[in-house]
Amino acid sequence: MALFNFLNHEIAIDLGTANTLIIYNDKVVVDEPSIVAINRDTKKVIAVGKKAMQMHEKTHENIKTIKPLKDGVIADFNAAEAMIRGMIKMIYSNQRVFTPSYTMVICIPSGITEVEKRAVRDSAEQAGGKEVLLVHEPMAAAIGIGIDVEEPVGNMVIDIGGGTTEIAVIALSGIVCDQSLRIAGDEFTANIVNFMRRQHNMLIGERTAENIKINVGSALTELEDEPEDFPVNGRDLMTGIPKQISISYSEVAHAIDKSITKIEEAVLKTLEITPPELAADIYRTGLYLTGGGALIRGIGKRISEKTKLPVHVADDPLRAVVRGTGIALKNRDKFSFLMGSND
């Protein structure tokens, strides 16, 4: 039996549009950007994760960088398989004789279709998954932040990821009502690129926009604890010459305002369709905010002002989903009803 355990490893994967995280032996062992770099001629994978991200938007014609996931679902099947395989290899720093088989628990957006589910399963199986179980992201996020999902109490989780924002009301081990919105971190990044082009006649890349979002990203035009202006390098659209300007958090707040308004509307819509008894619970418990988008300054306060409800931002919002996926994997018997297994 010990030999069997040695050959069968259990891993929990948060397959995100922006980042992929893997838990093995109760530890987050992989936390890498969801991207691969491929040689166009040989079709071989050159780099995965951080190394591939360093090449992104800086490649010549022989190298192509691919983000296999778009809006929370697999857009490029082969690249997704290569990425999962490459990231699983990162778990083992030392060489191993045996290639183990894997039991994988992967979290997926709640608004995913059957075809998109099949793509996730197939990619995981091709990358060495003997048994592939799927769990919905809002449920994983709720478990990850310590909510007892089995209780007959309503809790609302808002998970703002890279590709999707998942809003779900959870009670009695199930999702009662939910909204899956394809507006999240990637959309904020695109908003910043467009804003820089429009307001400053400056062309910037995706990576620079991501840095702006991390350093001075804000949902409010006025903050108590103001971050310093952030220097941005890009290309002047008038002259074509590289230049540098500084951007403030209030400018970023204007840039991403419309996208955040859409998230607020989706939260209100979900509250509208929530059964009254669960709505009464949510009034007491408040809303829980997870995912990378929860790190944007003032977003909790803004949603709180809009809904007139308390908003709790998770302690480590980036890892809430993968932590919950890891807990579901460890207690598979307890949480088996959450997971759809191989067909």
C-alpha atoms as a PDB file:
ATOM      1  CA  MET A   1       0.000   0.000   0.000  1.00  0.00           C
ATOM      2  CA  ALA A   2       2.898   2.337   0.820  1.00  0.00           C
ATOM      3  CA  LEU A   3       4.324   1.661  -2.643  1.00  0.00           C
ATOM      4  CA  PHE A   4       0.942   2.479  -4.174  1.00  0.00           C
ATOM      5  CA  ASN A   5       0.855   5.783  -2.250  1.00  0.00           C
ATOM      6  CA  PHE A   6       4.357   6.532  -3.454  1.00  0.00           C
ATOM      7  CA  LEU A   7       3.203   6.143  -7.046  1.00  0.00           C
ATOM      8  CA  ASN A   8      -0.053   8.086  -6.635  1.00  0.00           C
ATOM      9  CA  HIS A   9       0.252  11.730  -5.670  1.00  0.00           C
ATOM     10  CA  GLU A  10      -2.632  14.021  -4.773  1.00  0.00           C
ATOM     11  CA  ILE A  11      -2.451  17.635  -5.905  1.00  0.00           C
ATOM     12  CA  ALA A  12      -4.879  20.562  -5.770  1.00  0.00           C
ATOM     13  CA  ILE A  13      -4.717  23.036  -8.661  1.00  0.00           C
ATOM     14  CA  ASP A  14      -6.132  26.535  -8.984  1.00  0.00           C
ATOM     15  CA  LEU A  15      -5.984  26.826 -12.771  1.00  0.00           C
ATOM     16  CA  GLY A  16      -6.343  30.585 -13.076  1.00  0.00           C
ATOM     17  CA  THR A  17      -6.377  32.899 -16.073  1.00  0.00           C
ATOM     18  CA  ALA A  18      -3.574  34.999 -14.566  1.00  0.00           C
ATOM     19  CA  ASN A  19      -1.833  32.610 -12.131  1.00  0.00           C
ATOM     20  CA  THR A  20      -1.765  28.869 -11.509  1.00  0.00           C
ATOM     21  CA  LEU A  21      -1.214  27.603  -7.972  1.00  0.00           C
ATOM     22  CA  ILE A  22      -0.598  23.999  -6.915  1.00  0.00           C
ATOM     23  CA  ILE A  23      -0.858  22.506  -3.422  1.00  0.00           C
ATOM     24  CA  TYR A  24       1.031  19.293  -2.674  1.00  0.00           C
ATOM     25  CA  ASN A  25       1.405  17.822   0.832  1.00  0.00           C
ATOM     26  CA  ASP A  26      -0.625  20.740   2.288  1.00  0.00           C
ATOM     27  CA  LYS A  27       1.843  23.322   0.962  1.00  0.00           C
ATOM     28  CA  VAL A  28       1.580  25.786  -1.945  1.00  0.00           C
ATOM     29  CA  VAL A  29       4.511  24.474  -3.981  1.00  0.00           C
ATOM     30  CA  VAL A  30       3.814  26.281  -7.277  1.00  0.00           C
ATOM     31  CA  ASP A  31       2.628  29.879  -7.703  1.00  0.00           C
ATOM     32  CA  GLU A  32       3.365  30.927 -11.270  1.00  0.00           C
ATOM     33  CA  PRO A  33       1.826  33.071 -14.028  1.00  0.00           C
ATOM     34  CA  SER A  34      -0.392  31.031 -16.409  1.00  0.00           C
ATOM     35  CA  ILE A  35       1.753  31.366 -19.522  1.00  0.00           C
ATOM     36  CA  VAL A  36       4.015  29.232 -21.730  1.00  0.00           C
ATOM     37  CA  ALA A  37       6.701  30.155 -24.262  1.00  0.00           C
ATOM     38  CA  ILE A  38       6.927  27.940 -27.347  1.00  0.00           C
ATOM     39  CA  ASN A  39       9.415  27.676 -30.215  1.00  0.00           C
ATOM     40  CA  ARG A  40       7.359  28.258 -33.394  1.00  0.00           C
ATOM     41  CA  ASP A  41       9.574  25.988 -35.542  1.00  0.00           C
ATOM     42  CA  THR A  42       9.939  22.933 -33.292  1.00  0.00           C
ATOM     43  CA  LYS A  43       6.688  23.488 -31.291  1.00  0.00           C
ATOM     44  CA  LYS A  44       8.706  22.685 -28.153  1.00  0.00           C
ATOM     45  CA  VAL A  45       8.016  24.404 -24.835  1.00  0.00           C
ATOM     46  CA  ILE A  46      10.913  26.732 -23.942  1.00  0.00           C
ATOM     47  CA  ALA A  47       9.614  28.092 -20.639  1.00  0.00           C
ATOM     48  CA  VAL A  48       6.625  27.941 -18.304  1.00  0.00           C
ATOM     49  CA  GLY A  49       5.405  30.402 -15.670  1.00  0.00           C
ATOM     50  CA  LYS A  50       7.672  33.248 -14.468  1.00  0.00           C
ATOM     51  CA  LYS A  51      10.376  32.544 -17.074  1.00  0.00           C
ATOM     52  CA  ALA A  52       7.785  32.643 -19.874  1.00  0.00           C
ATOM     53  CA  MET A  53       6.276  35.839 -18.404  1.00  0.00           C
ATOM     54  CA  GLN A  54       9.692  37.528 -18.580  1.00  0.00           C
ATOM     55  CA  MET A  55       9.658  36.803 -22.343  1.00  0.00           C
ATOM     56  CA  HIS A  56       6.051  37.981 -22.832  1.00  0.00           C
ATOM     57  CA  GLU A  57       5.765  40.897 -25.324  1.00  0.00           C
ATOM     58  CA  LYS A  58       9.541  40.800 -25.822  1.00  0.00           C
ATOM     59  CA  THR A  59       9.816  37.861 -28.232  1.00  0.00           C
ATOM     60  CA  HIS A  60      11.211  37.589 -31.763  1.00  0.00           C
ATOM     61  CA  GLU A  61       9.443  35.694 -34.560  1.00  0.00           C
ATOM     62  CA  ASN A  62      10.754  32.235 -33.532  1.00  0.00           C
ATOM     63  CA  ILE A  63       9.300  32.404 -30.029  1.00  0.00           C
ATOM     64  CA  LYS A  64       5.636  32.724 -29.153  1.00  0.00           C
ATOM     65  CA  THR A  65       4.166  33.252 -25.674  1.00  0.00           C
ATOM     66  CA  ILE A  66       0.710  31.824 -25.072  1.00  0.00           C
ATOM     67  CA  LYS A  67      -1.727  32.367 -22.211  1.00  0.00           C
ATOM     68  CA  PRO A  68      -3.731  29.122 -22.464  1.00  0.00           C
ATOM     69  CA  LEU A  69      -6.689  30.404 -20.422  1.00  0.00           C
ATOM     70  CA  LYS A  70      -9.039  33.203 -21.346  1.00  0.00           C
ATOM     71  CA  ASP A  71     -11.976  34.340 -19.206  1.00  0.00           C
ATOM     72  CA  GLY A  72     -11.376  31.472 -16.785  1.00  0.00           C
ATOM     73  CA  VAL A  73     -11.575  28.715 -19.414  1.00  0.00           C
ATOM     74  CA  ILE A  74      -9.095  26.910 -21.655  1.00  0.00           C
ATOM     75  CA  ALA A  75      -8.626  28.705 -24.967  1.00  0.00           C
ATOM     76  CA  ASP A  76      -5.596  26.723 -26.188  1.00  0.00           C
ATOM     77  CA  PHE A  77      -5.795  23.013 -25.367  1.00  0.00           C
ATOM     78  CA  ASN A  78      -2.193  22.028 -26.270  1.00  0.00           C
ATOM     79  CA  ALA A  79      -0.658  24.994 -24.462  1.00  0.00           C
ATOM     80  CA  ALA A  80      -2.790  24.273 -21.367  1.00  0.00           C
ATOM     81  CA  GLU A  81      -1.594  20.667 -21.290  1.00  0.00           C
ATOM     82  CA  ALA A  82       2.044  21.780 -21.697  1.00  0.00           C
ATOM     83  CA  MET A  83       1.605  24.364 -18.937  1.00  0.00           C
ATOM     84  CA  ILE A  84       0.038  21.907 -16.454  1.00  0.00           C
ATOM     85  CA  ARG A  85       2.740  19.340 -17.240  1.00  0.00           C
ATOM     86  CA  GLY A  86       5.510  21.937 -16.800  1.00  0.00           C
ATOM     87  CA  MET A  87       4.114  23.196 -13.509  1.00  0.00           C
ATOM     88  CA  ILE A  88       3.711  19.675 -12.100  1.00  0.00           C
ATOM     89  CA  LYS A  89       7.410  19.120 -12.866  1.00  0.00           C
ATOM     90  CA  MET A  90       8.203  22.162 -10.695  1.00  0.00           C
ATOM     91  CA  ILE A  91       6.908  20.266  -7.633  1.00  0.00           C
ATOM     92  CA  TYR A  92       9.976  18.016  -7.742  1.00  0.00           C
ATOM     93  CA  SER A  93      13.280  19.809  -7.542  1.00  0.00           C
ATOM     94  CA  ASN A  94      15.200  16.520  -7.406  1.00  0.00           C
ATOM     95  CA  GLN A  95      15.206  13.835 -10.095  1.00  0.00           C
ATOM     96  CA  ARG A  96      12.832  10.945  -9.649  1.00  0.00           C
ATOM     97  CA  VAL A  97      12.905   7.431 -11.045  1.00  0.00           C
ATOM     98  CA  PHE A  98       9.159   6.830 -11.147  1.00  0.00           C
ATOM     99  CA  THR A  99       6.616   9.055 -12.828  1.00  0.00           C
ATOM    100  CA  PRO A 100       3.682   8.980 -10.415  1.00  0.00           C
ATOM    101  CA  SER A 101       0.053   9.108 -11.424  1.00  0.00           C
ATOM    102  CA  TYR A 102      -1.938  11.993 -10.016  1.00  0.00           C
ATOM    103  CA  THR A 103      -5.270  12.536  -8.364  1.00  0.00           C
ATOM    104  CA  MET A 104      -6.015  16.163  -9.220  1.00  0.00           C
ATOM    105  CA  VAL A 105      -8.655  18.468  -7.791  1.00  0.00           C
ATOM    106  CA  ILE A 106      -9.000  21.487 -10.087  1.00  0.00           C
ATOM    107  CA  CYS A 107     -11.237  24.486  -9.474  1.00  0.00           C
ATOM    108  CA  ILE A 108     -13.361  25.886 -12.287  1.00  0.00           C
ATOM    109  CA  PRO A 109     -15.609  28.963 -12.722  1.00  0.00           C
ATOM    110  CA  SER A 110     -19.233  28.427 -11.700  1.00  0.00           C
ATOM    111  CA  GLY A 111     -20.532  29.629 -15.092  1.00  0.00           C
ATOM    112  CA  ILE A 112     -18.508  27.067 -17.077  1.00  0.00           C
ATOM    113  CA  THR A 113     -20.200  24.974 -19.786  1.00  0.00           C
ATOM    114  CA  GLU A 114     -19.982  21.177 -20.137  1.00  0.00           C
ATOM    115  CA  VAL A 115     -17.666  21.570 -23.165  1.00  0.00           C
ATOM    116  CA  GLU A 116     -15.337  23.851 -21.191  1.00  0.00           C
ATOM    117  CA  LYS A 117     -15.373  21.374 -18.280  1.00  0.00           C
ATOM    118  CA  ARG A 118     -14.381  18.595 -20.655  1.00  0.00           C
ATOM    119  CA  ALA A 119     -11.447  20.728 -21.926  1.00  0.00           C
ATOM    120  CA  VAL A 120     -10.132  21.152 -18.349  1.00  0.00           C
ATOM    121  CA  ARG A 121     -10.515  17.412 -17.663  1.00  0.00           C
ATOM    122  CA  ASP A 122      -8.852  16.363 -20.918  1.00  0.00           C
ATOM    123  CA  SER A 123      -5.903  18.747 -20.447  1.00  0.00           C
ATOM    124  CA  ALA A 124      -5.364  17.462 -16.889  1.00  0.00           C
ATOM    125  CA  GLU A 125      -5.595  13.819 -18.000  1.00  0.00           C
ATOM    126  CA  GLN A 126      -3.113  14.420 -20.834  1.00  0.00           C
ATOM    127  CA  ALA A 127      -0.736  15.983 -18.291  1.00  0.00           C
ATOM    128  CA  GLY A 128      -0.809  12.810 -16.133  1.00  0.00           C
ATOM    129  CA  GLY A 129      -4.026  13.017 -14.135  1.00  0.00           C
ATOM    130  CA  LYS A 130      -5.336   9.527 -13.385  1.00  0.00           C
ATOM    131  CA  GLU A 131      -8.362  10.881 -11.549  1.00  0.00           C
ATOM    132  CA  VAL A 132      -9.515  14.460 -12.156  1.00  0.00           C
ATOM    133  CA  LEU A 133     -12.064  16.065  -9.826  1.00  0.00           C
ATOM    134  CA  LEU A 134     -13.550  19.504 -10.396  1.00  0.00           C
ATOM    135  CA  VAL A 135     -14.767  21.958  -7.758  1.00  0.00           C
ATOM    136  CA  HIS A 136     -16.428  25.341  -8.336  1.00  0.00           C
ATOM    137  CA  GLU A 137     -14.292  28.389  -7.536  1.00  0.00           C
ATOM    138  CA  PRO A 138     -16.725  30.226  -5.195  1.00  0.00           C
ATOM    139  CA  MET A 139     -17.130  27.041  -3.121  1.00  0.00           C
ATOM    140  CA  ALA A 140     -13.349  26.552  -2.964  1.00  0.00           C
ATOM    141  CA  ALA A 141     -12.905  30.233  -1.996  1.00  0.00           C
ATOM    142  CA  ALA A 142     -15.515  29.903   0.784  1.00  0.00           C
ATOM    143  CA  ILE A 143     -13.795  26.801   2.208  1.00  0.00           C
ATOM    144  CA  GLY A 144     -10.397  28.534   1.851  1.00  0.00           C
ATOM    145  CA  ILE A 145     -11.411  31.536   3.969  1.00  0.00           C
ATOM    146  CA  GLY A 146     -12.861  29.336   6.699  1.00  0.00           C
ATOM    147  CA  ILE A 147     -16.613  29.504   6.032  1.00  0.00           C
ATOM    148  CA  ASP A 148     -18.502  26.390   7.166  1.00  0.00           C
ATOM    149  CA  VAL A 149     -20.284  25.680   3.863  1.00  0.00           C
ATOM    150  CA  GLU A 150     -22.363  22.851   5.353  1.00  0.00           C
ATOM    151  CA  GLU A 151     -24.267  25.102   7.760  1.00  0.00           C
ATOM    152  CA  PRO A 152     -27.838  26.226   6.931  1.00  0.00           C
ATOM    153  CA  VAL A 153     -26.559  29.817   6.808  1.00  0.00           C
ATOM    154  CA  GLY A 154     -26.269  32.012   3.714  1.00  0.00           C
ATOM    155  CA  ASN A 155     -22.853  33.436   2.846  1.00  0.00           C
ATOM    156  CA  MET A 156     -22.002  35.500  -0.222  1.00  0.00           C
ATOM    157  CA  VAL A 157     -18.540  35.119  -1.763  1.00  0.00           C
ATOM    158  CA  ILE A 158     -17.194  37.496  -4.440  1.00  0.00           C
ATOM    159  CA  ASP A 159     -14.076  36.041  -6.088  1.00  0.00           C
ATOM    160  CA  ILE A 160     -12.440  38.573  -8.443  1.00  0.00           C
ATOM    161  CA  GLY A 161      -9.864  36.576 -10.381  1.00  0.00           C
ATOM    162  CA  GLY A 162      -7.886  37.247 -13.558  1.00  0.00           C
ATOM    163  CA  GLY A 163     -10.478  36.240 -16.145  1.00  0.00           C
ATOM    164  CA  THR A 164     -13.763  35.987 -14.245  1.00  0.00           C
ATOM    165  CA  THR A 165     -15.540  37.436 -11.242  1.00  0.00           C
ATOM    166  CA  GLU A 166     -17.545  34.756  -9.458  1.00  0.00           C
ATOM    167  CA  ILE A 167     -20.357  35.883  -7.179  1.00  0.00           C
ATOM    168  CA  ALA A 168     -22.180  33.118  -5.301  1.00  0.00           C
ATOM    169  CA  VAL A 169     -24.535  32.653  -2.376  1.00  0.00           C
ATOM    170  CA  ILE A 170     -23.582  29.457  -0.557  1.00  0.00           C
ATOM    171  CA  ALA A 171     -25.646  27.474   1.969  1.00  0.00           C
ATOM    172  CA  LEU A 172     -26.028  23.794   2.942  1.00  0.00           C
ATOM    173  CA  SER A 173     -22.996  22.693   0.889  1.00  0.00           C
ATOM    174  CA  GLY A 174     -24.329  24.126  -2.354  1.00  0.00           C
ATOM    175  CA  ILE A 175     -24.455  27.232  -4.517  1.00  0.00           C
ATOM    176  CA  VAL A 176     -27.986  28.674  -4.219  1.00  0.00           C
ATOM    177  CA  CYS A 177     -27.576  31.448  -6.788  1.00  0.00           C
ATOM    178  CA  ASP A 178     -24.591  32.808  -8.641  1.00  0.00           C
ATOM    179  CA  GLN A 179     -23.306  35.130 -11.333  1.00  0.00           C
ATOM    180  CA  SER A 180     -20.174  34.485 -13.369  1.00  0.00           C
ATOM    181  CA  LEU A 181     -18.923  37.694 -14.940  1.00  0.00           C
ATOM    182  CA  ARG A 182     -16.160  37.816 -17.541  1.00  0.00           C
ATOM    183  CA  ILE A 183     -14.889  41.096 -16.140  1.00  0.00           C
ATOM    184  CA  ALA A 184     -11.964  40.836 -13.723  1.00  0.00           C
ATOM    185  CA  GLY A 185      -8.227  41.542 -13.411  1.00  0.00           C
ATOM    186  CA  ASP A 186      -7.428  41.140 -17.133  1.00  0.00           C
ATOM    187  CA  GLU A 187     -10.193  43.607 -17.998  1.00  0.00           C
ATOM    188  CA  PHE A 188      -8.761  46.121 -15.491  1.00  0.00           C
ATOM    189  CA  THR A 189      -5.354  45.733 -17.186  1.00  0.00           C
ATOM    190  CA  ALA A 190      -6.907  46.368 -20.636  1.00  0.00           C
ATOM    191  CA  ASN A 191      -8.725  49.440 -19.217  1.00  0.00           C
ATOM    192  CA  ILE A 192      -5.374  50.846 -18.037  1.00  0.00           C
ATOM    193  CA  VAL A 193      -3.738  50.279 -21.468  1.00  0.00           C
ATOM    194  CA  ASN A 194      -6.638  52.117 -23.169  1.00  0.00           C
ATOM    195  CA  PHE A 195      -6.578  54.929 -20.596  1.00  0.00           C
ATOM    196  CA  MET A 196      -2.850  55.541 -21.136  1.00  0.00           C
ATOM    197  CA  ARG A 197      -3.371  55.646 -24.901  1.00  0.00           C
ATOM    198  CA  ARG A 198      -6.357  58.003 -24.632  1.00  0.00           C
ATOM    199  CA  GLN A 199      -5.254  60.347 -21.847  1.00  0.00           C
ATOM    200  CA  HIS A 200      -1.490  60.429 -22.266  1.00  0.00           C
ATOM    201  CA  ASN A 201      -0.965  59.464 -25.952  1.00  0.00           C
ATOM    202  CA  MET A 202       1.264  56.691 -24.686  1.00  0.00           C
ATOM    203  CA  LEU A 203       1.443  53.075 -25.721  1.00  0.00           C
ATOM    204  CA  ILE A 204       2.231  50.625 -22.936  1.00  0.00           C
ATOM    205  CA  GLY A 205       2.333  46.820 -22.804  1.00  0.00           C
ATOM    206  CA  GLU A 206       0.257  44.413 -20.769  1.00  0.00           C
ATOM    207  CA  ARG A 207       3.053  43.813 -18.244  1.00  0.00           C
ATOM    208  CA  THR A 208       3.472  47.541 -17.581  1.00  0.00           C
ATOM    209  CA  ALA A 209      -0.305  47.934 -17.138  1.00  0.00           C
ATOM    210  CA  GLU A 210      -0.222  45.014 -14.683  1.00  0.00           C
ATOM    211  CA  ASN A 211       2.534  46.795 -12.684  1.00  0.00           C
ATOM    212  CA  ILE A 212       0.461  50.002 -12.625  1.00  0.00           C
ATOM    213  CA  LYS A 213      -2.526  48.002 -11.322  1.00  0.00           C
ATOM    214  CA  ILE A 214      -0.425  46.381  -8.554  1.00  0.00           C
ATOM    215  CA  ASN A 215       1.365  49.572  -7.471  1.00  0.00           C
ATOM    216  CA  VAL A 216      -1.340  52.248  -7.766  1.00  0.00           C
ATOM    217  CA  GLY A 217      -4.535  50.287  -8.544  1.00  0.00           C
ATOM    218  CA  SER A 218      -7.525  51.813  -6.768  1.00  0.00           C
ATOM    219  CA  ALA A 219     -11.311  51.579  -6.917  1.00  0.00           C
ATOM    220  CA  LEU A 220     -11.747  54.977  -5.246  1.00  0.00           C
ATOM    221  CA  THR A 221     -10.533  58.399  -6.431  1.00  0.00           C
ATOM    222  CA  GLU A 222      -9.872  59.409  -2.814  1.00  0.00           C
ATOM    223  CA  LEU A 223      -7.995  57.161  -0.381  1.00  0.00           C
ATOM    224  CA  GLU A 224      -6.906  57.788   3.194  1.00  0.00           C
ATOM    225  CA  ASP A 225      -3.607  55.957   2.712  1.00  0.00           C
ATOM    226  CA  GLU A 226      -2.467  57.294  -0.667  1.00  0.00           C
ATOM    227  CA  PRO A 227       0.176  55.366  -2.633  1.00  0.00           C
ATOM    228  CA  GLU A 228       2.908  57.414  -4.316  1.00  0.00           C
ATOM    229  CA  ASP A 229       2.617  58.211  -8.019  1.00  0.00           C
ATOM    230  CA  PHE A 230       4.067  55.448 -10.177  1.00  0.00           C
ATOM    231  CA  PRO A 231       6.594  56.137 -12.986  1.00  0.00           C
ATOM    232  CA  VAL A 232       5.516  54.524 -16.275  1.00  0.00           C
ATOM    233  CA  ASN A 233       7.727  53.920 -19.307  1.00  0.00           C
ATOM    234  CA  GLY A 234       6.182  53.573 -22.753  1.00  0.00           C
ATOM    235  CA  ARG A 235       6.191  54.843 -26.312  1.00  0.00           C
ATOM    236  CA  ASP A 236       4.915  58.303 -27.214  1.00  0.00           C
ATOM    237  CA  LEU A 237       2.273  57.832 -29.915  1.00  0.00           C
ATOM    238  CA  MET A 238       2.970  61.276 -31.431  1.00  0.00           C
ATOM    239  CA  THR A 239       6.748  61.049 -31.789  1.00  0.00           C
ATOM    240  CA  GLY A 240       7.335  57.272 -31.551  1.00  0.00           C
ATOM    241  CA  ILE A 241      10.084  57.917 -28.971  1.00  0.00           C
ATOM    242  CA  PRO A 242      10.148  56.124 -25.569  1.00  0.00           C
ATOM    243  CA  LYS A 243       9.245  58.392 -22.644  1.00  0.00           C
ATOM    244  CA  GLN A 244       8.334  58.279 -18.954  1.00  0.00           C
ATOM    245  CA  ILE A 245       5.386  59.819 -17.114  1.00  0.00           C
ATOM    246  CA  SER A 246       4.001  59.443 -13.594  1.00  0.00           C
ATOM    247  CA  ILE A 247       0.488  58.137 -12.967  1.00  0.00           C
ATOM    248  CA  SER A 248      -1.568  58.572  -9.785  1.00  0.00           C
ATOM    249  CA  TYR A 249      -3.971  56.145  -8.114  1.00  0.00           C
ATOM    250  CA  SER A 250      -6.957  58.442  -8.848  1.00  0.00           C
ATOM    251  CA  GLU A 251      -6.218  58.213 -12.601  1.00  0.00           C
ATOM    252  CA  VAL A 252      -6.250  54.402 -12.340  1.00  0.00           C
ATOM    253  CA  ALA A 253      -9.553  54.631 -10.429  1.00  0.00           C
ATOM    254  CA  HIS A 254     -11.035  56.559 -13.386  1.00  0.00           C
ATOM    255  CA  ALA A 255      -9.581  54.019 -15.835  1.00  0.00           C
ATOM    256  CA  ILE A 256     -11.157  50.952 -14.182  1.00  0.00           C
ATOM    257  CA  ASP A 257     -14.329  52.670 -12.912  1.00  0.00           C
ATOM    258  CA  LYS A 258     -16.722  51.221 -15.540  1.00  0.00           C
ATOM    259  CA  SER A 259     -15.499  47.649 -15.003  1.00  0.00           C
ATOM    260  CA  ILE A 260     -15.921  47.903 -11.218  1.00  0.00           C
ATOM    261  CA  THR A 261     -19.414  49.372 -11.724  1.00  0.00           C
ATOM    262  CA  LYS A 262     -20.330  46.235 -13.725  1.00  0.00           C
ATOM    263  CA  ILE A 263     -19.085  44.031 -10.850  1.00  0.00           C
ATOM    264  CA  GLU A 264     -21.170  46.094  -8.402  1.00  0.00           C
ATOM    265  CA  GLU A 265     -24.247  45.651 -10.628  1.00  0.00           C
ATOM    266  CA  ALA A 266     -23.699  41.872 -10.719  1.00  0.00           C
ATOM    267  CA  VAL A 267     -23.427  41.805  -6.895  1.00  0.00           C
ATOM    268  CA  LEU A 268     -26.739  43.719  -6.614  1.00  0.00           C
ATOM    269  CA  LYS A 269     -28.373  41.402  -9.169  1.00  0.00           C
ATOM    270  CA  THR A 270     -27.269  38.329  -7.169  1.00  0.00           C
ATOM    271  CA  LEU A 271     -28.625  39.888  -3.968  1.00  0.00           C
ATOM    272  CA  GLU A 272     -31.956  40.511  -5.768  1.00  0.00           C
ATOM    273  CA  ILE A 273     -32.381  36.826  -6.633  1.00  0.00           C
ATOM    274  CA  THR A 274     -31.273  35.559  -3.204  1.00  0.00           C
ATOM    275  CA  PRO A 275     -34.086  33.838  -1.228  1.00  0.00           C
ATOM    276  CA  PRO A 276     -35.267  36.101   1.640  1.00  0.00           C
ATOM    277  CA  GLU A 277     -34.078  33.887   4.538  1.00  0.00           C
ATOM    278  CA  LEU A 278     -30.582  33.714   3.042  1.00  0.00           C
ATOM    279  CA  ALA A 279     -30.667  37.473   2.395  1.00  0.00           C
ATOM    280  CA  ALA A 280     -31.353  37.914   6.117  1.00  0.00           C
ATOM    281  CA  ASP A 281     -28.234  35.823   6.889  1.00  0.00           C
ATOM    282  CA  ILE A 282     -26.123  37.862   4.441  1.00  0.00           C
ATOM    283  CA  TYR A 283     -27.263  41.071   6.165  1.00  0.00           C
ATOM    284  CA  ARG A 284     -25.716  39.676   9.355  1.00  0.00           C
ATOM    285  CA  THR A 285     -22.616  37.978   7.904  1.00  0.00           C
ATOM    286  CA  GLY A 286     -21.752  40.488   5.159  1.00  0.00           C
ATOM    287  CA  LEU A 287     -19.932  39.808   1.881  1.00  0.00           C
ATOM    288  CA  TYR A 288     -16.582  38.011   1.533  1.00  0.00           C
ATOM    289  CA  LEU A 289     -14.106  39.267  -1.054  1.00  0.00           C
ATOM    290  CA  THR A 290     -11.363  36.974  -2.439  1.00  0.00           C
ATOM    291  CA  GLY A 291      -9.122  36.692  -5.517  1.00  0.00           C
ATOM    292  CA  GLY A 292      -6.404  39.018  -6.823  1.00  0.00           C
ATOM    293  CA  GLY A 293      -8.957  41.755  -7.527  1.00  0.00           C
ATOM    294  CA  ALA A 294      -9.630  42.006  -3.776  1.00  0.00           C
ATOM    295  CA  LEU A 295      -6.142  43.580  -3.447  1.00  0.00           C
ATOM    296  CA  ILE A 296      -7.198  46.701  -5.389  1.00  0.00           C
ATOM    297  CA  ARG A 297      -7.242  49.531  -2.884  1.00  0.00           C
ATOM    298  CA  GLY A 298     -10.685  50.602  -1.709  1.00  0.00           C
ATOM    299  CA  ILE A 299     -12.662  47.958  -3.598  1.00  0.00           C
ATOM    300  CA  GLY A 300     -14.152  46.532  -0.389  1.00  0.00           C
ATOM    301  CA  LYS A 301     -15.188  49.997   0.780  1.00  0.00           C
ATOM    302  CA  ARG A 302     -16.748  50.786  -2.603  1.00  0.00           C
ATOM    303  CA  ILE A 303     -18.823  47.583  -2.713  1.00  0.00           C
ATOM    304  CA  SER A 304     -19.812  48.169   0.918  1.00  0.00           C
ATOM    305  CA  GLU A 305     -21.047  51.696   0.112  1.00  0.00           C
ATOM    306  CA  LYS A 306     -23.010  50.391  -2.866  1.00  0.00           C
ATOM    307  CA  THR A 307     -24.690  47.478  -1.045  1.00  0.00           C
ATOM    308  CA  LYS A 308     -24.860  49.056   2.468  1.00  0.00           C
ATOM    309  CA  LEU A 309     -23.452  45.738   3.760  1.00  0.00           C
ATOM    310  CA  PRO A 310     -20.173  44.953   5.536  1.00  0.00           C
ATOM    311  CA  VAL A 311     -17.453  43.585   3.220  1.00  0.00           C
ATOM    312  CA  HIS A 312     -14.686  41.332   4.563  1.00  0.00           C
ATOM    313  CA  VAL A 313     -11.537  41.108   2.428  1.00  0.00           C
ATOM    314  CA  ALA A 314      -9.794  37.726   2.875  1.00  0.00           C
ATOM    315  CA  ASP A 315      -6.371  37.747   4.599  1.00  0.00           C
ATOM    316  CA  ASP A 316      -4.538  36.187   1.657  1.00  0.00           C
ATOM    317  CA  PRO A 317      -7.076  36.642  -1.167  1.00  0.00           C
ATOM    318  CA  LEU A 318      -4.776  35.345  -3.929  1.00  0.00           C
ATOM    319  CA  ARG A 319      -4.495  31.933  -2.267  1.00  0.00           C
ATOM    320  CA  ALA A 320      -8.032  31.537  -0.860  1.00  0.00           C
ATOM    321  CA  VAL A 321      -9.232  29.415  -3.802  1.00  0.00           C
ATOM    322  CA  VAL A 322      -6.232  27.075  -3.879  1.00  0.00           C
ATOM    323  CA  ARG A 323      -6.328  26.693  -0.071  1.00  0.00           C
ATOM    324  CA  GLY A 324     -10.000  25.680  -0.297  1.00  0.00           C
ATOM    325  CA  THR A 325      -9.210  23.281  -3.134  1.00  0.00           C
ATOM    326  CA  GLY A 326      -6.460  21.761  -0.972  1.00  0.00           C
ATOM    327  CA  ILE A 327      -8.844  21.353   1.993  1.00  0.00           C
ATOM    328  CA  ALA A 328     -11.446  19.716  -0.303  1.00  0.00           C
ATOM    329  CA  LEU A 329      -8.741  17.313  -1.561  1.00  0.00           C
ATOM    330  CA  LYS A 330      -7.594  16.440   1.963  1.00  0.00           C
ATOM    331  CA  ASN A 331     -11.181  15.820   3.119  1.00  0.00           C
ATOM    332  CA  ARG A 332     -12.448  14.167  -0.043  1.00  0.00           C
ATOM    333  CA  ASP A 333     -14.961  12.007   1.815  1.00  0.00           C
ATOM    334  CA  LYS A 334     -16.472  15.030   3.545  1.00  0.00           C
ATOM    335  CA  PHE A 335     -16.560  17.205   0.403  1.00  0.00           C
ATOM    336  CA  SER A 336     -17.173  14.489  -2.213  1.00  0.00           C
ATOM    337  CA  PHE A 337     -20.555  16.057  -3.116  1.00  0.00           C
ATOM    338  CA  LEU A 338     -18.731  19.204  -4.322  1.00  0.00           C
ATOM    339  CA  MET A 339     -16.589  17.364  -6.836  1.00  0.00           C
ATOM    340  CA  GLY A 340     -17.529  15.891 -10.180  1.00  0.00           C
ATOM    341  CA  SER A 341     -15.220  12.970 -10.985  1.00  0.00           C
ATOM    342  CA  ASN A 342     -14.152  11.494 -14.315  1.00  0.00           C
ATOM    343  CA  ASP A 343     -17.025  10.408 -16.492  1.00  0.00           C
END
